[in-house]
Amino acid sequence: MNIRRATSNDQDDIWQIMQPIIVKGDAYVYEPTLSKQEALADWMEPDHTCYVAQKNNEILGTYILKANKPGLGAHIANASFMVKQQAKGQKVGLTMGQHALTQAKQQGFHAMQFNMVVTTNKGAIALWKKLGFTIIGTIPDGFHQVGRGYVDAHIMYKKL
């Protein structure tokens, strides 16, 4: 698997990954009705570094890396990951997670924090724990999940 920086030529492939995930409304804060243009404008905004994971010229996943907060909080990285449904079980998330941690360290970040890992997203929680993240807090009813209502969300952290 090859991970590289995304280009504008990747936007259609990235949207094909994002759209079915966003519309489910169970793990990301995006409104399920978000348009392609709005989603890509956010995902690929200039303050983010956007990457894609490719295998045999097919994009299987994408992630963004950015500062968690500006200014005096900019030493902590933040990232978001999406994997193509058909690529689940192929270690795309693990490979992108490892890549993100390496990139964050190379870019001078001191730690990485995920602000909202939905507690029903057991796969993501297990993956981040496997990569050394710890749950440092839980936000009661922190996420309004489509079809389920309010569920808790974890804040996860790893010192680099």
C-alpha atoms as a PDB file:
ATOM      1  CA  MET A   1       0.000   0.000   0.000  1.00  0.00           C
ATOM      2  CA  ASN A   2       1.266   3.447  -0.932  1.00  0.00           C
ATOM      3  CA  ILE A   3       0.312   6.565   1.001  1.00  0.00           C
ATOM      4  CA  ARG A   4       0.828   9.901  -0.687  1.00  0.00           C
ATOM      5  CA  ARG A   5      -0.363  13.479  -0.498  1.00  0.00           C
ATOM      6  CA  ALA A   6      -3.685  13.947  -2.225  1.00  0.00           C
ATOM      7  CA  THR A   7      -4.025  16.151  -5.281  1.00  0.00           C
ATOM      8  CA  SER A   8      -7.050  17.865  -6.783  1.00  0.00           C
ATOM      9  CA  ASN A   9      -7.206  14.942  -9.240  1.00  0.00           C
ATOM     10  CA  ASP A  10      -8.129  12.678  -6.297  1.00  0.00           C
ATOM     11  CA  GLN A  11     -11.255  14.584  -5.310  1.00  0.00           C
ATOM     12  CA  ASP A  12     -13.762  12.296  -7.020  1.00  0.00           C
ATOM     13  CA  ASP A  13     -12.170   9.201  -5.430  1.00  0.00           C
ATOM     14  CA  ILE A  14     -12.063  10.879  -2.019  1.00  0.00           C
ATOM     15  CA  TRP A  15     -15.732  11.818  -2.338  1.00  0.00           C
ATOM     16  CA  GLN A  16     -16.587   8.195  -3.221  1.00  0.00           C
ATOM     17  CA  ILE A  17     -15.083   7.245   0.157  1.00  0.00           C
ATOM     18  CA  MET A  18     -16.568  10.142   2.124  1.00  0.00           C
ATOM     19  CA  GLN A  19     -20.129  10.211   0.841  1.00  0.00           C
ATOM     20  CA  PRO A  20     -21.355   6.807   2.106  1.00  0.00           C
ATOM     21  CA  ILE A  21     -19.664   7.385   5.464  1.00  0.00           C
ATOM     22  CA  ILE A  22     -21.081  10.879   5.911  1.00  0.00           C
ATOM     23  CA  VAL A  23     -24.616   9.887   4.922  1.00  0.00           C
ATOM     24  CA  LYS A  24     -24.685   7.200   7.657  1.00  0.00           C
ATOM     25  CA  GLY A  25     -24.302   9.886  10.315  1.00  0.00           C
ATOM     26  CA  ASP A  26     -22.815   7.513  12.863  1.00  0.00           C
ATOM     27  CA  ALA A  27     -19.173   8.577  13.263  1.00  0.00           C
ATOM     28  CA  TYR A  28     -18.398  12.012  11.788  1.00  0.00           C
ATOM     29  CA  VAL A  29     -19.796  15.423  12.678  1.00  0.00           C
ATOM     30  CA  TYR A  30     -20.602  16.230   9.050  1.00  0.00           C
ATOM     31  CA  GLU A  31     -24.292  16.715   8.278  1.00  0.00           C
ATOM     32  CA  PRO A  32     -25.498  13.688   6.283  1.00  0.00           C
ATOM     33  CA  THR A  33     -26.801  16.048   3.569  1.00  0.00           C
ATOM     34  CA  LEU A  34     -23.429  17.790   3.099  1.00  0.00           C
ATOM     35  CA  SER A  35     -22.695  18.409  -0.574  1.00  0.00           C
ATOM     36  CA  LYS A  36     -19.648  17.104  -2.379  1.00  0.00           C
ATOM     37  CA  GLN A  37     -18.287  20.629  -2.750  1.00  0.00           C
ATOM     38  CA  GLU A  38     -18.725  21.450   0.948  1.00  0.00           C
ATOM     39  CA  ALA A  39     -17.226  18.160   2.098  1.00  0.00           C
ATOM     40  CA  LEU A  40     -14.181  18.401  -0.145  1.00  0.00           C
ATOM     41  CA  ALA A  41     -13.656  22.081   0.683  1.00  0.00           C
ATOM     42  CA  ASP A  42     -13.444  21.134   4.357  1.00  0.00           C
ATOM     43  CA  TRP A  43     -11.430  17.911   3.927  1.00  0.00           C
ATOM     44  CA  MET A  44      -8.888  19.458   1.570  1.00  0.00           C
ATOM     45  CA  GLU A  45      -8.698  22.964   3.023  1.00  0.00           C
ATOM     46  CA  PRO A  46      -5.255  24.606   2.862  1.00  0.00           C
ATOM     47  CA  ASP A  47      -4.578  24.235   6.613  1.00  0.00           C
ATOM     48  CA  HIS A  48      -4.938  20.451   6.315  1.00  0.00           C
ATOM     49  CA  THR A  49      -2.489  18.035   4.768  1.00  0.00           C
ATOM     50  CA  CYS A  50      -4.616  15.482   2.933  1.00  0.00           C
ATOM     51  CA  TYR A  51      -3.314  12.009   2.129  1.00  0.00           C
ATOM     52  CA  VAL A  52      -4.667   9.018   0.224  1.00  0.00           C
ATOM     53  CA  ALA A  53      -3.868   5.333   0.604  1.00  0.00           C
ATOM     54  CA  GLN A  54      -3.553   3.506  -2.706  1.00  0.00           C
ATOM     55  CA  LYS A  55      -3.203  -0.103  -3.685  1.00  0.00           C
ATOM     56  CA  ASN A  56      -2.992  -1.163  -7.322  1.00  0.00           C
ATOM     57  CA  ASN A  57      -3.905   2.404  -8.388  1.00  0.00           C
ATOM     58  CA  GLU A  58      -7.146   2.303  -6.369  1.00  0.00           C
ATOM     59  CA  ILE A  59      -7.648   4.798  -3.559  1.00  0.00           C
ATOM     60  CA  LEU A  60      -8.790   2.826  -0.514  1.00  0.00           C
ATOM     61  CA  GLY A  61      -8.627   5.488   2.169  1.00  0.00           C
ATOM     62  CA  THR A  62      -7.928   9.100   2.967  1.00  0.00           C
ATOM     63  CA  TYR A  63      -6.863  11.074   5.984  1.00  0.00           C
ATOM     64  CA  ILE A  64      -6.126  14.639   6.952  1.00  0.00           C
ATOM     65  CA  LEU A  65      -3.488  15.913   9.344  1.00  0.00           C
ATOM     66  CA  LYS A  66      -3.621  19.361  10.912  1.00  0.00           C
ATOM     67  CA  ALA A  67      -2.978  21.302  14.085  1.00  0.00           C
ATOM     68  CA  ASN A  68      -5.670  20.542  16.645  1.00  0.00           C
ATOM     69  CA  LYS A  69      -5.945  24.236  17.542  1.00  0.00           C
ATOM     70  CA  PRO A  70      -4.234  27.384  16.249  1.00  0.00           C
ATOM     71  CA  GLY A  71      -1.674  29.497  18.050  1.00  0.00           C
ATOM     72  CA  LEU A  72      -0.536  28.195  21.415  1.00  0.00           C
ATOM     73  CA  GLY A  73      -2.325  24.880  20.820  1.00  0.00           C
ATOM     74  CA  ALA A  74      -0.733  24.254  17.437  1.00  0.00           C
ATOM     75  CA  HIS A  75       1.859  21.807  18.818  1.00  0.00           C
ATOM     76  CA  ILE A  76      -0.839  19.112  19.129  1.00  0.00           C
ATOM     77  CA  ALA A  77      -1.837  17.335  15.923  1.00  0.00           C
ATOM     78  CA  ASN A  78      -5.326  16.259  14.967  1.00  0.00           C
ATOM     79  CA  ALA A  79      -6.318  13.846  12.223  1.00  0.00           C
ATOM     80  CA  SER A  80      -9.414  12.319  10.626  1.00  0.00           C
ATOM     81  CA  PHE A  81      -9.533   9.068   8.690  1.00  0.00           C
ATOM     82  CA  MET A  82     -11.956   7.435   6.258  1.00  0.00           C
ATOM     83  CA  VAL A  83     -11.654   4.010   4.655  1.00  0.00           C
ATOM     84  CA  LYS A  84     -13.575   2.795   1.624  1.00  0.00           C
ATOM     85  CA  GLN A  85     -16.247   0.340   2.751  1.00  0.00           C
ATOM     86  CA  GLN A  86     -15.008  -2.335   0.326  1.00  0.00           C
ATOM     87  CA  ALA A  87     -11.485  -2.047   1.810  1.00  0.00           C
ATOM     88  CA  LYS A  88     -12.470  -2.807   5.414  1.00  0.00           C
ATOM     89  CA  GLY A  89     -10.282  -5.540   6.878  1.00  0.00           C
ATOM     90  CA  GLN A  90      -7.305  -4.736   4.621  1.00  0.00           C
ATOM     91  CA  LYS A  91      -5.425  -2.785   7.342  1.00  0.00           C
ATOM     92  CA  VAL A  92      -5.925   0.513   5.502  1.00  0.00           C
ATOM     93  CA  GLY A  93      -6.813   2.332   8.724  1.00  0.00           C
ATOM     94  CA  LEU A  94      -3.845   0.847  10.578  1.00  0.00           C
ATOM     95  CA  THR A  95      -1.445   1.764   7.779  1.00  0.00           C
ATOM     96  CA  MET A  96      -2.804   5.317   7.540  1.00  0.00           C
ATOM     97  CA  GLY A  97      -2.711   5.669  11.338  1.00  0.00           C
ATOM     98  CA  GLN A  98       0.939   4.645  11.464  1.00  0.00           C
ATOM     99  CA  HIS A  99       1.711   6.996   8.581  1.00  0.00           C
ATOM    100  CA  ALA A 100      -0.094   9.879  10.296  1.00  0.00           C
ATOM    101  CA  LEU A 101       1.874   9.402  13.505  1.00  0.00           C
ATOM    102  CA  THR A 102       5.151   9.415  11.573  1.00  0.00           C
ATOM    103  CA  GLN A 103       4.117  12.487   9.582  1.00  0.00           C
ATOM    104  CA  ALA A 104       2.970  14.323  12.711  1.00  0.00           C
ATOM    105  CA  LYS A 105       6.284  13.687  14.431  1.00  0.00           C
ATOM    106  CA  GLN A 106       8.238  14.757  11.328  1.00  0.00           C
ATOM    107  CA  GLN A 107       6.168  17.944  11.156  1.00  0.00           C
ATOM    108  CA  GLY A 108       7.175  18.798  14.723  1.00  0.00           C
ATOM    109  CA  PHE A 109       3.965  18.011  16.584  1.00  0.00           C
ATOM    110  CA  HIS A 110       4.429  16.923  20.227  1.00  0.00           C
ATOM    111  CA  ALA A 111       1.268  14.808  20.460  1.00  0.00           C
ATOM    112  CA  MET A 112      -1.874  13.824  18.596  1.00  0.00           C
ATOM    113  CA  GLN A 113      -5.416  14.215  19.896  1.00  0.00           C
ATOM    114  CA  PHE A 114      -8.747  13.049  18.570  1.00  0.00           C
ATOM    115  CA  ASN A 115     -11.477  15.341  19.863  1.00  0.00           C
ATOM    116  CA  MET A 116     -14.456  13.101  19.191  1.00  0.00           C
ATOM    117  CA  VAL A 117     -14.277   9.334  18.789  1.00  0.00           C
ATOM    118  CA  VAL A 118     -17.853   8.131  19.000  1.00  0.00           C
ATOM    119  CA  THR A 119     -18.142   5.389  21.629  1.00  0.00           C
ATOM    120  CA  THR A 120     -20.190   3.174  19.306  1.00  0.00           C
ATOM    121  CA  ASN A 121     -17.272   3.184  16.829  1.00  0.00           C
ATOM    122  CA  LYS A 122     -15.612   0.199  18.492  1.00  0.00           C
ATOM    123  CA  GLY A 123     -13.295  -0.473  15.546  1.00  0.00           C
ATOM    124  CA  ALA A 124     -11.792   3.017  15.672  1.00  0.00           C
ATOM    125  CA  ILE A 125     -11.375   2.899  19.444  1.00  0.00           C
ATOM    126  CA  ALA A 126      -9.595  -0.472  19.230  1.00  0.00           C
ATOM    127  CA  LEU A 127      -7.351   0.759  16.409  1.00  0.00           C
ATOM    128  CA  TRP A 128      -6.321   3.926  18.234  1.00  0.00           C
ATOM    129  CA  LYS A 129      -5.631   1.983  21.417  1.00  0.00           C
ATOM    130  CA  LYS A 130      -3.507  -0.452  19.396  1.00  0.00           C
ATOM    131  CA  LEU A 131      -1.507   2.544  18.138  1.00  0.00           C
ATOM    132  CA  GLY A 132      -0.918   3.766  21.689  1.00  0.00           C
ATOM    133  CA  PHE A 133      -3.713   6.296  22.190  1.00  0.00           C
ATOM    134  CA  THR A 134      -5.441   6.538  25.548  1.00  0.00           C
ATOM    135  CA  ILE A 135      -8.896   7.808  26.393  1.00  0.00           C
ATOM    136  CA  ILE A 136      -8.350  10.983  28.399  1.00  0.00           C
ATOM    137  CA  GLY A 137     -11.979  11.971  28.703  1.00  0.00           C
ATOM    138  CA  THR A 138     -15.512  11.179  27.658  1.00  0.00           C
ATOM    139  CA  ILE A 139     -18.075  13.752  26.567  1.00  0.00           C
ATOM    140  CA  PRO A 140     -21.528  12.642  27.747  1.00  0.00           C
ATOM    141  CA  ASP A 141     -23.992  12.806  24.830  1.00  0.00           C
ATOM    142  CA  GLY A 142     -21.210  14.437  22.795  1.00  0.00           C
ATOM    143  CA  PHE A 143     -22.419  13.160  19.424  1.00  0.00           C
ATOM    144  CA  HIS A 144     -25.889  13.185  17.906  1.00  0.00           C
ATOM    145  CA  GLN A 145     -25.914   9.912  16.003  1.00  0.00           C
ATOM    146  CA  VAL A 146     -28.411   9.429  13.190  1.00  0.00           C
ATOM    147  CA  GLY A 147     -30.922   6.742  14.136  1.00  0.00           C
ATOM    148  CA  ARG A 148     -29.695   6.368  17.689  1.00  0.00           C
ATOM    149  CA  GLY A 149     -29.773   9.805  19.268  1.00  0.00           C
ATOM    150  CA  TYR A 150     -27.171  11.175  21.636  1.00  0.00           C
ATOM    151  CA  VAL A 151     -24.169   8.964  22.400  1.00  0.00           C
ATOM    152  CA  ASP A 152     -20.955   9.581  24.284  1.00  0.00           C
ATOM    153  CA  ALA A 153     -17.710  10.521  22.562  1.00  0.00           C
ATOM    154  CA  HIS A 154     -14.128   9.976  23.707  1.00  0.00           C
ATOM    155  CA  ILE A 155     -11.179  12.321  23.566  1.00  0.00           C
ATOM    156  CA  MET A 156      -8.123  10.218  22.734  1.00  0.00           C
ATOM    157  CA  TYR A 157      -4.490  11.278  23.060  1.00  0.00           C
ATOM    158  CA  LYS A 158      -0.989  10.047  22.290  1.00  0.00           C
ATOM    159  CA  LYS A 159       2.266  11.805  23.106  1.00  0.00           C
ATOM    160  CA  LEU A 160       4.701  11.680  20.207  1.00  0.00           C
END
